[in-house]
């Protein structure tokens, strides 16, 4: 789900903001900076945890799959793609039960990640090779 942010510019500078985002569930914050625009970080996801992504610098493409079975997911699951830009503080909410693949579209891009569980609080990390869902992706 997209939580659309906004931007205001005047003589003093620029403010990007998101009045729709409720941060009350957040327990952990980190950033991702891929080393190149060719690299795709994925597929990784969580059965229980949620994530929220916002682009702090540059631009990212986030690919999302809703998983049918985390032990043996179908290889033909639908992939939805979202573009996040630092122009507005738009958040992409990744529900529990999803996998993501993350690619920066500009050199030096920086992605803010918010999570609703702390490190080590639960064991809930699932990873699949990038070509596992090959028939549906363009990586």
Protein backbone atom coordinates (compact mmCIF):
# COMPACT_ATOMS: atom_id res chain seq x y z
CA UNK A 1 0.00 0.00 0.00
CA UNK A 2 1.26 3.46 -0.92
CA UNK A 3 1.05 6.24 1.68
CA UNK A 4 1.47 9.29 -0.54
CA UNK A 5 3.80 11.98 0.75
CA UNK A 6 4.09 15.56 -0.32
CA UNK A 7 6.55 18.39 -0.80
CA UNK A 8 6.53 22.10 -0.01
CA UNK A 9 9.09 24.59 -1.27
CA UNK A 10 9.41 28.26 -0.42
CA UNK A 11 12.16 30.84 0.10
CA UNK A 12 13.39 29.02 3.20
CA UNK A 13 13.91 25.66 1.51
CA UNK A 14 12.12 22.36 0.94
CA UNK A 15 10.04 20.22 3.27
CA UNK A 16 8.99 16.69 2.32
CA UNK A 17 6.34 15.22 4.58
CA UNK A 18 3.79 12.48 5.07
CA UNK A 19 0.83 13.24 7.32
CA UNK A 20 -0.79 9.85 6.60
CA UNK A 21 2.01 7.72 8.06
CA UNK A 22 1.44 6.32 11.60
CA UNK A 23 4.81 5.42 13.14
CA UNK A 24 3.39 3.91 16.35
CA UNK A 25 4.27 0.31 15.32
CA UNK A 26 7.92 1.04 14.47
CA UNK A 27 10.62 -0.66 16.56
CA UNK A 28 13.60 -0.47 14.19
CA UNK A 29 14.97 1.89 11.55
CA UNK A 30 17.78 1.36 9.04
CA UNK A 31 18.86 2.46 5.57
CA UNK A 32 19.87 0.62 2.40
CA UNK A 33 22.33 1.93 -0.19
CA UNK A 34 23.06 -0.48 -3.04
CA UNK A 35 26.60 -0.34 -4.46
CA UNK A 36 25.34 0.03 -8.03
CA UNK A 37 22.18 0.44 -10.05
CA UNK A 38 22.82 -2.99 -11.61
CA UNK A 39 22.52 -4.81 -8.27
CA UNK A 40 19.11 -6.12 -7.11
CA UNK A 41 18.75 -6.92 -3.40
CA UNK A 42 16.23 -9.74 -3.12
CA UNK A 43 14.21 -11.83 -2.81
CA UNK A 44 13.83 -11.38 0.92
CA UNK A 45 10.74 -11.18 3.09
CA UNK A 46 8.83 -11.98 6.23
CA UNK A 47 5.83 -14.09 7.18
CA UNK A 48 5.10 -11.99 10.31
CA UNK A 49 7.04 -8.72 10.12
CA UNK A 50 5.96 -5.64 8.20
CA UNK A 51 8.21 -3.07 6.52
CA UNK A 52 7.77 0.50 5.36
CA UNK A 53 10.10 1.93 2.71
CA UNK A 54 10.73 5.59 1.88
CA UNK A 55 13.35 6.97 -0.49
CA UNK A 56 15.64 9.51 1.19
CA UNK A 57 17.87 10.18 -1.81
CA UNK A 58 17.54 9.32 -5.50
CA UNK A 59 15.07 6.71 -6.69
CA UNK A 60 14.31 3.02 -6.09
CA UNK A 61 12.22 0.33 -7.72
CA UNK A 62 10.69 -2.05 -5.17
CA UNK A 63 9.29 -5.34 -6.50
CA UNK A 64 6.82 -7.12 -4.23
CA UNK A 65 5.41 -10.66 -4.20
CA UNK A 66 2.62 -11.87 -1.92
CA UNK A 67 3.79 -15.36 -0.97
CA UNK A 68 1.50 -18.40 -1.05
CA UNK A 69 3.85 -20.74 0.87
CA UNK A 70 7.11 -19.60 2.47
CA UNK A 71 8.65 -23.10 2.43
CA UNK A 72 7.93 -23.78 -1.27
CA UNK A 73 6.41 -20.73 -2.97
CA UNK A 74 4.93 -21.03 -6.42
CA UNK A 75 7.37 -19.80 -9.05
CA UNK A 76 4.69 -17.99 -11.05
CA UNK A 77 3.47 -15.55 -8.38
CA UNK A 78 2.53 -12.04 -9.51
CA UNK A 79 5.22 -9.37 -9.08
CA UNK A 80 4.05 -5.80 -8.39
CA UNK A 81 6.53 -2.97 -8.95
CA UNK A 82 6.64 0.43 -7.24
CA UNK A 83 8.90 3.44 -7.80
CA UNK A 84 9.89 5.55 -4.80
CA UNK A 85 11.56 8.94 -5.22
CA UNK A 86 13.11 11.38 -2.76
CA UNK A 87 10.94 14.15 -4.25
CA UNK A 88 8.16 13.35 -1.74
CA UNK A 89 8.12 11.38 1.49
CA UNK A 90 5.93 8.59 0.11
CA UNK A 91 5.96 5.33 2.08
CA UNK A 92 5.46 1.89 0.58
CA UNK A 93 3.92 -0.40 3.22
CA UNK A 94 4.94 -4.03 2.79
CA UNK A 95 2.49 -6.25 4.63
CA UNK A 96 3.52 -9.42 6.43
CA UNK A 97 3.59 -12.35 4.00
CA UNK A 98 5.53 -10.60 1.24
CA UNK A 99 8.94 -10.76 -0.41
CA UNK A 100 10.77 -7.79 -1.89
CA UNK A 101 13.52 -7.14 -4.42
CA UNK A 102 15.09 -3.68 -4.24
CA UNK A 103 17.00 -1.89 -7.00
CA UNK A 104 18.33 1.66 -6.92
CA UNK A 105 17.59 3.53 -10.13
CA UNK A 106 20.13 6.32 -9.55
CA UNK A 107 23.69 6.17 -8.24
CA UNK A 108 23.93 7.20 -4.58
CA UNK A 109 20.29 6.42 -3.79
CA UNK A 110 19.37 5.84 -0.14
CA UNK A 111 16.30 3.95 1.13
CA UNK A 112 14.83 4.32 4.63
CA UNK A 113 13.43 1.08 6.07
CA UNK A 114 11.13 0.87 9.10
CA UNK A 115 10.26 -2.44 10.79
CA UNK A 116 7.72 -3.45 13.42
CA UNK A 117 10.00 -5.97 15.20
CA UNK A 118 13.43 -5.52 16.74
CA UNK A 119 16.53 -7.45 15.67
CA UNK A 120 16.37 -10.99 17.07
CA UNK A 121 12.88 -10.53 18.50
CA UNK A 122 11.50 -13.28 16.23
CA UNK A 123 12.92 -15.61 13.59
CA UNK A 124 11.13 -14.50 10.46
CA UNK A 125 13.51 -14.01 7.56
CA UNK A 126 13.06 -15.80 4.25
CA UNK A 127 15.36 -15.49 1.24
CA UNK A 128 15.16 -16.83 -2.29
CA UNK A 129 17.55 -16.57 -5.21
CA UNK A 130 16.82 -13.68 -7.54
CA UNK A 131 16.01 -16.05 -10.43
CA UNK A 132 13.60 -18.21 -8.36
CA UNK A 133 10.66 -16.25 -9.81
CA UNK A 134 12.45 -15.85 -13.15
CA UNK A 135 9.47 -16.27 -15.46
CA UNK A 136 7.92 -13.08 -14.05
CA UNK A 137 10.82 -10.70 -13.55
CA UNK A 138 13.02 -8.54 -15.69
CA UNK A 139 16.16 -8.54 -13.55
